[in-house]
Amino acid sequence: MAFDYAVLGRKLKNARESLLITPQDPASRLQISFQEYLNIEEGRNRITGDQLVLLAVLYRRDFRYFVTGDYPSAESQVQEMFRRNAALSQSDRVAIQEFVRLCEYEDFLEREIFQRQSIPIPNYGQFSFGHRHFKRQGEEAAFFERERLAVGKQPIENIFELIRNQGIHIFKRQLEDKNISALYINHPVAGHCILVNYLDDLYRQNFSAAHEYCHALFDSSQGQEVTYLKSSNDKSELEWRANSFAGNFLVPKQRLELDYSPANTYEAWISLIRQVAERFRVSSQVVIIRLFELKWIDKALQQQLFQDQRLVIKHDEKFDPETPPSLSLGIRDKSTQIIRRGLSWHFIDLGTEAYRRGEITYQKLLDMLLLPLEDGYQLLH
């Protein structure tokens, strides 16, 4: 059967437009005229394999997506995300598309190279809770997950490692839109994928990771979602449930009641909230909300505490599980740059180990990093 250049053209056009790229850019990359490129998208002009590879890199897609009619990809999920969040900048659209590629590469390394198999996580969306109170569902699911994962009532030291251990791909990246806290994509092959905005407060990132974990547990049938810090929509019940889950999962009621008691003075509340926030690695705001939910404080005190600047925990007082303090200062600075650009040490370790075993070439390893050649070389050395 003859290759359908019209279908290829439509895929190229959709990929280009999804990233807000004008036709002049791919035309320049291919060193052809503006009209010649438009003819490719319209299926009138043929394209060489080398040219298509260049466009696949530009559009952050797998080459096989363009040449295979039924190649499994997250294209529909990403396109729907961009449609529902039309205000996404070009920079953030590119970041999201690169995040999808990293998830695909990580899935390839874990499943195909290292033969790692993970047990599917529960689908609480199909669970019968016996009620339709979404916040209660989040609270109850948090309890179930703590039991299933055998973490009991203890603080979770590294929420990112815990999520990865469930077979979920999770990355951080600095996004341009500071109102985005995180996003979730259910990839048809790679599975559950979570991206947390590194621009956000470190302890807020932990909450965002747990929040998106709830979406993976409950809302995978939605295919995708973007969580905003402030939104006129908030997706109502789904976001309430995810917030309830994250708060209860990270700061369990039973642990609070065992180890703490209501304070007698305002200054004692300040001290208690900071202690809990630092122990459970969440923001003071999360602790204040949990205390209100426990009915330890009333609405007036809650609002007063929200405004108290002494409860703002400084960046250098916080622990980032992705850049542990055991690393040297130079390596920690390098790690911060890596995460800001969307990579993780977990992913880099997988890739370098696959290269050392001879499973992938050095060029393939560099390609997987999605960095300019020189930057990738410096990172690996």
Protein backbone atom coordinates (compact mmCIF):
# COMPACT_ATOMS: atom_id res chain seq x y z
CA MET A 1 0.00 0.00 0.00
CA ALA A 2 1.34 3.42 -0.99
CA PHE A 3 2.42 5.77 1.78
CA ASP A 4 -0.20 8.43 2.51
CA TYR A 5 1.56 11.80 2.38
CA ALA A 6 -1.70 13.62 3.08
CA VAL A 7 -1.99 11.92 6.48
CA LEU A 8 1.66 12.70 7.21
CA GLY A 9 1.06 16.32 6.28
CA ARG A 10 -1.88 16.61 8.66
CA LYS A 11 0.18 15.12 11.49
CA LEU A 12 2.99 17.57 10.82
CA LYS A 13 0.59 20.52 10.74
CA ASN A 14 -1.14 19.49 13.95
CA ALA A 15 2.20 19.00 15.71
CA ARG A 16 3.49 22.36 14.54
CA GLU A 17 0.35 24.28 15.46
CA SER A 18 0.11 22.61 18.88
CA LEU A 19 3.50 24.14 19.75
CA LEU A 20 2.57 27.54 18.24
CA ILE A 21 5.39 27.24 15.69
CA THR A 22 5.03 29.22 12.46
CA PRO A 23 5.74 27.51 9.09
CA GLN A 24 8.83 29.70 8.61
CA ASP A 25 10.72 27.80 11.33
CA PRO A 26 10.44 24.27 9.85
CA ALA A 27 11.04 25.69 6.36
CA SER A 28 14.26 27.23 7.62
CA ARG A 29 15.31 24.00 9.33
CA LEU A 30 14.79 22.07 6.10
CA GLN A 31 16.37 24.84 4.00
CA ILE A 32 13.37 25.01 1.72
CA SER A 33 10.95 27.80 0.86
CA PHE A 34 7.90 28.71 2.92
CA GLN A 35 5.59 27.47 0.14
CA GLU A 36 7.49 24.22 -0.30
CA TYR A 37 6.98 23.47 3.39
CA LEU A 38 3.27 24.27 3.19
CA ASN A 39 3.04 21.87 0.25
CA ILE A 40 4.48 19.13 2.51
CA GLU A 41 1.78 19.78 5.12
CA GLU A 42 -0.86 19.72 2.39
CA GLY A 43 0.43 16.38 1.09
CA ARG A 44 1.47 17.72 -2.31
CA ASN A 45 5.23 17.51 -1.79
CA ARG A 46 7.08 14.44 -0.61
CA ILE A 47 9.57 14.57 2.25
CA THR A 48 12.81 12.64 2.74
CA GLY A 49 13.58 10.52 5.78
CA ASP A 50 16.30 12.93 6.90
CA GLN A 51 13.92 15.86 6.64
CA LEU A 52 11.30 14.05 8.69
CA VAL A 53 13.85 13.28 11.42
CA LEU A 54 14.63 17.00 11.65
CA LEU A 55 10.94 17.83 11.98
CA ALA A 56 10.39 15.10 14.59
CA VAL A 57 13.13 16.72 16.70
CA LEU A 58 11.66 20.20 16.18
CA TYR A 59 8.16 19.04 17.13
CA ARG A 60 9.39 16.85 20.04
CA ARG A 61 7.68 13.73 18.67
CA ASP A 62 8.83 10.19 18.06
CA PHE A 63 9.74 9.76 14.40
CA ARG A 64 7.58 6.62 14.29
CA TYR A 65 4.44 8.58 15.15
CA PHE A 66 4.63 10.34 11.78
CA VAL A 67 5.28 7.27 9.63
CA THR A 68 3.10 4.67 11.38
CA GLY A 69 -0.65 4.92 11.10
CA ASP A 70 -1.50 3.23 14.41
CA TYR A 71 1.61 4.11 16.41
CA PRO A 72 0.54 4.41 20.10
CA SER A 73 1.22 7.90 21.42
CA ALA A 74 -0.20 10.47 23.83
CA GLU A 75 -1.06 12.78 20.94
CA SER A 76 -4.79 12.89 21.67
CA GLN A 77 -4.21 13.53 25.38
CA VAL A 78 -1.71 16.32 24.72
CA GLN A 79 -3.84 17.93 22.02
CA GLU A 80 -6.84 17.88 24.39
CA MET A 81 -4.73 19.43 27.14
CA PHE A 82 -3.64 22.23 24.82
CA ARG A 83 -7.21 22.75 23.62
CA ARG A 84 -8.59 23.03 27.16
CA ASN A 85 -5.71 25.24 28.26
CA ALA A 86 -5.41 27.47 25.21
CA ALA A 87 -3.53 30.19 27.12
CA LEU A 88 -0.49 27.93 27.56
CA SER A 89 2.61 29.70 26.26
CA GLN A 90 4.80 28.27 23.53
CA SER A 91 7.55 27.65 26.09
CA ASP A 92 5.25 25.62 28.35
CA ARG A 93 3.79 23.69 25.42
CA VAL A 94 7.30 22.68 24.38
CA ALA A 95 8.10 21.76 28.01
CA ILE A 96 5.01 19.55 28.21
CA GLN A 97 5.79 17.83 24.91
CA GLU A 98 9.37 17.20 26.05
CA PHE A 99 8.04 15.83 29.33
CA VAL A 100 5.97 13.33 27.33
CA ARG A 101 9.08 12.26 25.41
CA LEU A 102 11.01 11.78 28.67
CA CYS A 103 8.20 9.57 29.99
CA GLU A 104 8.32 7.52 26.79
CA TYR A 105 12.10 7.15 27.05
CA GLU A 106 11.93 6.25 30.74
CA ASP A 107 9.26 3.65 30.04
CA PHE A 108 11.44 2.17 27.29
CA LEU A 109 14.45 1.97 29.61
CA GLU A 110 12.55 0.47 32.53
CA ARG A 111 10.44 -2.05 30.62
CA GLU A 112 12.50 -2.95 27.55
CA ILE A 113 16.08 -2.60 28.82
CA PHE A 114 15.84 -3.42 32.52
CA GLN A 115 12.72 -5.62 32.34
CA ARG A 116 11.13 -3.90 35.34
CA GLN A 117 7.51 -4.74 36.00
CA SER A 118 5.32 -2.73 38.35
CA ILE A 119 2.03 -3.72 39.94
CA PRO A 120 -0.82 -1.56 38.58
CA ILE A 121 -2.03 1.03 41.06
CA PRO A 122 -5.64 0.84 42.30
CA ASN A 123 -8.38 2.58 40.33
CA TYR A 124 -10.36 4.27 43.07
CA GLY A 125 -12.59 5.79 40.41
CA GLN A 126 -14.27 2.37 40.22
CA PHE A 127 -14.33 1.84 43.98
CA SER A 128 -17.65 1.90 45.83
CA PHE A 129 -17.25 4.35 48.71
CA GLY A 130 -20.94 4.20 49.62
CA HIS A 131 -21.25 7.98 49.31
CA ARG A 132 -20.53 10.82 46.87
CA HIS A 133 -18.73 13.19 49.21
CA PHE A 134 -15.60 13.87 47.20
CA LYS A 135 -13.51 15.29 50.04
CA ARG A 136 -14.31 12.22 52.16
CA GLN A 137 -13.34 9.98 49.25
CA GLY A 138 -9.96 11.71 49.14
CA GLU A 139 -9.50 11.25 52.89
CA GLU A 140 -10.49 7.59 52.79
CA ALA A 141 -8.33 6.83 49.75
CA ALA A 142 -5.34 8.43 51.51
CA PHE A 143 -5.87 6.04 54.41
CA PHE A 144 -6.22 3.05 52.04
CA GLU A 145 -3.03 4.00 50.19
CA ARG A 146 -1.02 4.40 53.37
CA GLU A 147 -2.16 0.92 54.40
CA ARG A 148 -1.47 -0.57 50.95
CA LEU A 149 2.01 0.96 50.81
CA ALA A 150 2.77 -0.03 54.41
CA VAL A 151 3.76 3.48 55.48
CA GLY A 152 1.30 3.52 58.34
CA LYS A 153 1.14 6.86 60.15
CA GLN A 154 4.76 7.88 59.52
CA PRO A 155 5.84 11.00 57.58
CA ILE A 156 6.68 10.30 53.94
CA GLU A 157 10.36 11.08 53.50
CA ASN A 158 10.37 11.22 49.70
CA ILE A 159 7.02 11.49 47.92
CA PHE A 160 8.72 11.43 44.51
CA GLU A 161 10.47 8.13 45.19
CA LEU A 162 7.25 6.65 46.58
CA ILE A 163 5.36 7.64 43.43
CA ARG A 164 8.11 6.29 41.13
CA ASN A 165 7.99 3.00 43.00
CA GLN A 166 4.37 2.65 41.84
CA GLY A 167 5.54 2.64 38.22
CA ILE A 168 4.53 6.28 37.68
CA HIS A 169 6.78 8.60 35.69
CA ILE A 170 7.28 11.82 37.62
CA PHE A 171 9.45 14.76 36.68
CA LYS A 172 9.91 18.36 37.74
CA ARG A 173 10.45 21.26 35.37
CA GLN A 174 10.41 25.02 35.65
CA LEU A 175 7.38 26.22 33.71
CA GLU A 176 6.82 29.76 32.51
CA ASP A 177 3.30 29.98 33.98
CA LYS A 178 3.78 30.26 37.74
CA ASN A 179 0.05 29.61 38.24
CA ILE A 180 0.49 26.00 37.09
CA SER A 181 1.33 23.71 40.00
CA ALA A 182 1.42 20.38 38.14
CA LEU A 183 -0.18 18.29 35.40
CA TYR A 184 -1.09 14.68 34.70
CA ILE A 185 -1.23 12.64 31.50
CA ASN A 186 -2.37 9.04 31.13
CA HIS A 187 -0.11 7.81 28.33
CA PRO A 188 -1.48 4.79 26.38
CA VAL A 189 1.92 3.07 26.61
CA ALA A 190 3.99 4.74 29.34
CA GLY A 191 1.01 4.92 31.69
CA HIS A 192 0.66 7.50 34.45
CA CYS A 193 2.84 10.59 33.96
CA ILE A 194 3.17 13.56 36.35
CA LEU A 195 4.97 16.86 35.83
CA VAL A 196 5.45 19.21 38.81
CA ASN A 197 6.29 22.88 38.30
CA TYR A 198 9.78 23.47 39.73
CA LEU A 199 9.06 27.18 39.86
CA ASP A 200 6.78 26.51 42.83
CA ASP A 201 7.79 26.39 46.51
CA LEU A 202 9.71 23.20 47.36
CA TYR A 203 7.21 21.98 49.94
CA ARG A 204 4.31 22.95 47.71
CA GLN A 205 5.90 20.66 45.09
CA ASN A 206 5.48 17.72 47.49
CA PHE A 207 1.80 18.57 47.88
CA SER A 208 1.40 18.93 44.10
CA ALA A 209 3.00 15.50 43.57
CA ALA A 210 0.54 13.91 46.01
CA HIS A 211 -2.33 15.86 44.41
CA GLU A 212 -1.49 14.51 40.95
CA TYR A 213 -1.01 11.02 42.42
CA CYS A 214 -4.67 11.24 43.45
CA HIS A 215 -5.63 12.09 39.86
CA ALA A 216 -3.74 8.97 38.73
CA LEU A 217 -5.62 6.90 41.31
CA PHE A 218 -9.07 8.32 40.57
CA ASP A 219 -9.19 10.18 37.27
CA SER A 220 -7.04 8.30 34.74
CA SER A 221 -10.08 7.94 32.46
CA GLN A 222 -9.97 11.73 31.97
CA GLY A 223 -6.71 11.25 30.05
CA GLN A 224 -5.12 14.51 31.16
CA GLU A 225 -5.49 17.51 33.44
CA VAL A 226 -3.64 20.67 34.46
CA THR A 227 -3.80 21.87 38.06
CA TYR A 228 -3.60 25.61 38.69
CA LEU A 229 -2.81 27.31 41.99
CA LYS A 230 -5.65 29.75 41.36
CA SER A 231 -8.48 28.92 38.98
CA SER A 232 -12.03 30.14 38.45
CA ASN A 233 -13.02 26.57 37.59
CA ASP A 234 -10.99 24.35 39.94
CA LYS A 235 -12.78 21.37 38.30
CA SER A 236 -14.86 21.46 41.48
CA GLU A 237 -15.22 18.01 43.01
CA LEU A 238 -12.17 16.40 41.37
CA GLU A 239 -9.84 19.11 42.68
CA TRP A 240 -11.45 19.08 46.13
CA ARG A 241 -10.91 15.34 46.29
CA ALA A 242 -7.28 15.59 45.14
CA ASN A 243 -6.54 18.34 47.69
CA SER A 244 -8.17 16.29 50.45
CA PHE A 245 -6.18 13.22 49.44
CA ALA A 246 -2.87 15.11 49.35
CA GLY A 247 -3.41 16.73 52.75
CA ASN A 248 -4.44 13.47 54.43
CA PHE A 249 -1.79 11.41 52.65
CA LEU A 250 1.09 13.71 53.60
CA VAL A 251 -0.15 14.79 57.04
CA PRO A 252 -2.28 11.95 58.46
CA LYS A 253 -4.77 12.84 61.18
CA GLN A 254 -3.75 9.88 63.33
CA ARG A 255 -0.10 11.01 63.50
CA LEU A 256 -1.07 14.55 64.43
CA GLU A 257 -3.35 13.36 67.20
CA LEU A 258 -0.69 10.97 68.55
CA ASP A 259 2.22 13.41 68.62
CA TYR A 260 0.65 16.84 69.11
CA SER A 261 -2.13 18.63 70.95
CA PRO A 262 -3.84 22.00 70.49
CA ALA A 263 -1.71 24.97 71.56
CA ASN A 264 -2.74 27.35 74.33
CA THR A 265 -1.30 30.60 72.92
CA TYR A 266 -0.87 32.19 69.53
CA GLU A 267 2.93 31.99 69.79
CA ALA A 268 2.64 28.29 70.61
CA TRP A 269 0.55 27.81 67.45
CA ILE A 270 3.33 29.42 65.40
CA SER A 271 5.89 27.02 66.90
CA LEU A 272 3.66 23.96 66.45
CA ILE A 273 2.84 24.74 62.82
CA ARG A 274 6.50 25.19 61.90
CA GLN A 275 7.41 21.93 63.63
CA VAL A 276 4.74 19.98 61.75
CA ALA A 277 5.55 21.63 58.40
CA GLU A 278 9.26 20.81 58.68
CA ARG A 279 8.63 17.27 59.90
CA PHE A 280 6.12 16.37 57.17
CA ARG A 281 7.78 18.52 54.48
CA VAL A 282 4.69 20.48 53.55
CA SER A 283 3.93 24.19 53.53
CA SER A 284 2.66 25.93 56.65
CA GLN A 285 -0.57 26.60 54.76
CA VAL A 286 -1.21 22.86 54.42
CA VAL A 287 -0.66 22.38 58.15
CA ILE A 288 -3.04 25.24 58.98
CA ILE A 289 -5.72 23.68 56.78
CA ARG A 290 -5.21 20.31 58.44
CA LEU A 291 -5.54 21.88 61.91
CA PHE A 292 -8.78 23.57 60.82
CA GLU A 293 -10.10 20.25 59.48
CA LEU A 294 -9.30 18.66 62.83
CA LYS A 295 -11.27 21.50 64.48
CA TRP A 296 -8.21 22.49 66.52
CA ILE A 297 -8.51 26.08 65.24
CA ASP A 298 -11.47 28.16 64.09
CA LYS A 299 -11.89 30.14 60.88
CA ALA A 300 -10.74 33.43 62.38
CA LEU A 301 -7.50 31.95 63.73
CA GLN A 302 -6.94 30.12 60.45
CA GLN A 303 -7.11 33.38 58.49
CA GLN A 304 -4.81 35.13 60.98
CA LEU A 305 -2.24 32.36 60.70
CA PHE A 306 -2.40 32.42 56.90
CA GLN A 307 -1.17 36.02 57.03
CA ASP A 308 1.65 35.54 59.53
CA GLN A 309 5.00 35.94 57.77
CA ARG A 310 6.80 33.97 60.49
CA LEU A 311 5.21 30.86 59.03
CA VAL A 312 6.97 31.32 55.70
CA ILE A 313 9.72 28.69 55.70
CA LYS A 314 12.80 29.86 53.81
CA HIS A 315 14.09 27.93 50.82
CA ASP A 316 17.41 27.03 52.46
CA GLU A 317 15.54 25.54 55.43
CA LYS A 318 13.74 23.04 53.21
CA PHE A 319 14.76 19.57 52.06
CA ASP A 320 14.44 18.70 48.38
CA PRO A 321 14.39 14.89 48.02
CA GLU A 322 15.55 15.22 44.41
CA THR A 323 18.73 17.03 45.51
CA PRO A 324 19.63 15.51 48.92
CA PRO A 325 21.96 17.49 51.21
CA SER A 326 24.47 14.62 51.15
CA LEU A 327 25.55 15.82 47.69
CA SER A 328 28.44 18.26 47.42
CA LEU A 329 27.56 21.90 46.80
CA GLY A 330 28.76 21.70 43.19
CA ILE A 331 26.75 18.57 42.43
CA ARG A 332 23.66 20.05 44.12
CA ASP A 333 23.92 23.16 41.94
CA LYS A 334 24.28 20.95 38.88
CA SER A 335 21.30 18.88 40.03
CA THR A 336 19.17 22.01 40.37
CA GLN A 337 19.97 22.97 36.78
CA ILE A 338 19.13 19.45 35.62
CA ILE A 339 15.72 19.46 37.33
CA ARG A 340 14.92 22.97 36.13
CA ARG A 341 15.32 21.68 32.57
CA GLY A 342 13.00 18.74 33.15
CA LEU A 343 15.36 15.85 33.87
CA SER A 344 15.79 13.74 36.99
CA TRP A 345 18.74 11.82 38.41
CA HIS A 346 16.59 8.69 38.30
CA PHE A 347 16.21 9.08 34.53
CA ILE A 348 19.87 9.97 33.99
CA ASP A 349 20.99 6.95 36.03
CA LEU A 350 18.76 4.66 33.93
CA GLY A 351 20.19 6.03 30.71
CA THR A 352 23.84 5.92 31.75
CA GLU A 353 23.49 2.38 33.11
CA ALA A 354 21.88 1.26 29.83
CA TYR A 355 24.83 2.81 27.96
CA ARG A 356 27.40 1.13 30.24
CA ARG A 357 25.74 -2.23 29.58
CA GLY A 358 25.93 -1.64 25.84
CA GLU A 359 22.14 -1.58 25.47
CA ILE A 360 22.08 1.88 23.86
CA THR A 361 24.67 3.95 22.04
CA TYR A 362 26.21 7.13 23.41
CA GLN A 363 24.40 9.11 20.71
CA LYS A 364 21.08 7.57 21.76
CA LEU A 365 21.81 8.54 25.36
CA LEU A 366 22.45 12.13 24.30
CA ASP A 367 19.26 12.13 22.23
CA MET A 368 17.26 10.94 25.24
CA LEU A 369 18.42 13.90 27.33
CA LEU A 370 16.66 16.30 24.92
CA LEU A 371 19.47 18.80 25.36
CA PRO A 372 21.79 20.52 22.87
CA LEU A 373 24.75 18.25 22.12
CA GLU A 374 27.28 20.30 24.11
CA ASP A 375 24.98 20.58 27.16
CA GLY A 376 24.34 16.84 27.13
CA TYR A 377 28.06 16.08 26.93
CA GLN A 378 28.83 18.41 29.85
CA LEU A 379 26.06 16.84 31.93
CA LEU A 380 27.42 13.33 31.43
CA HIS A 381 31.00 14.37 32.26
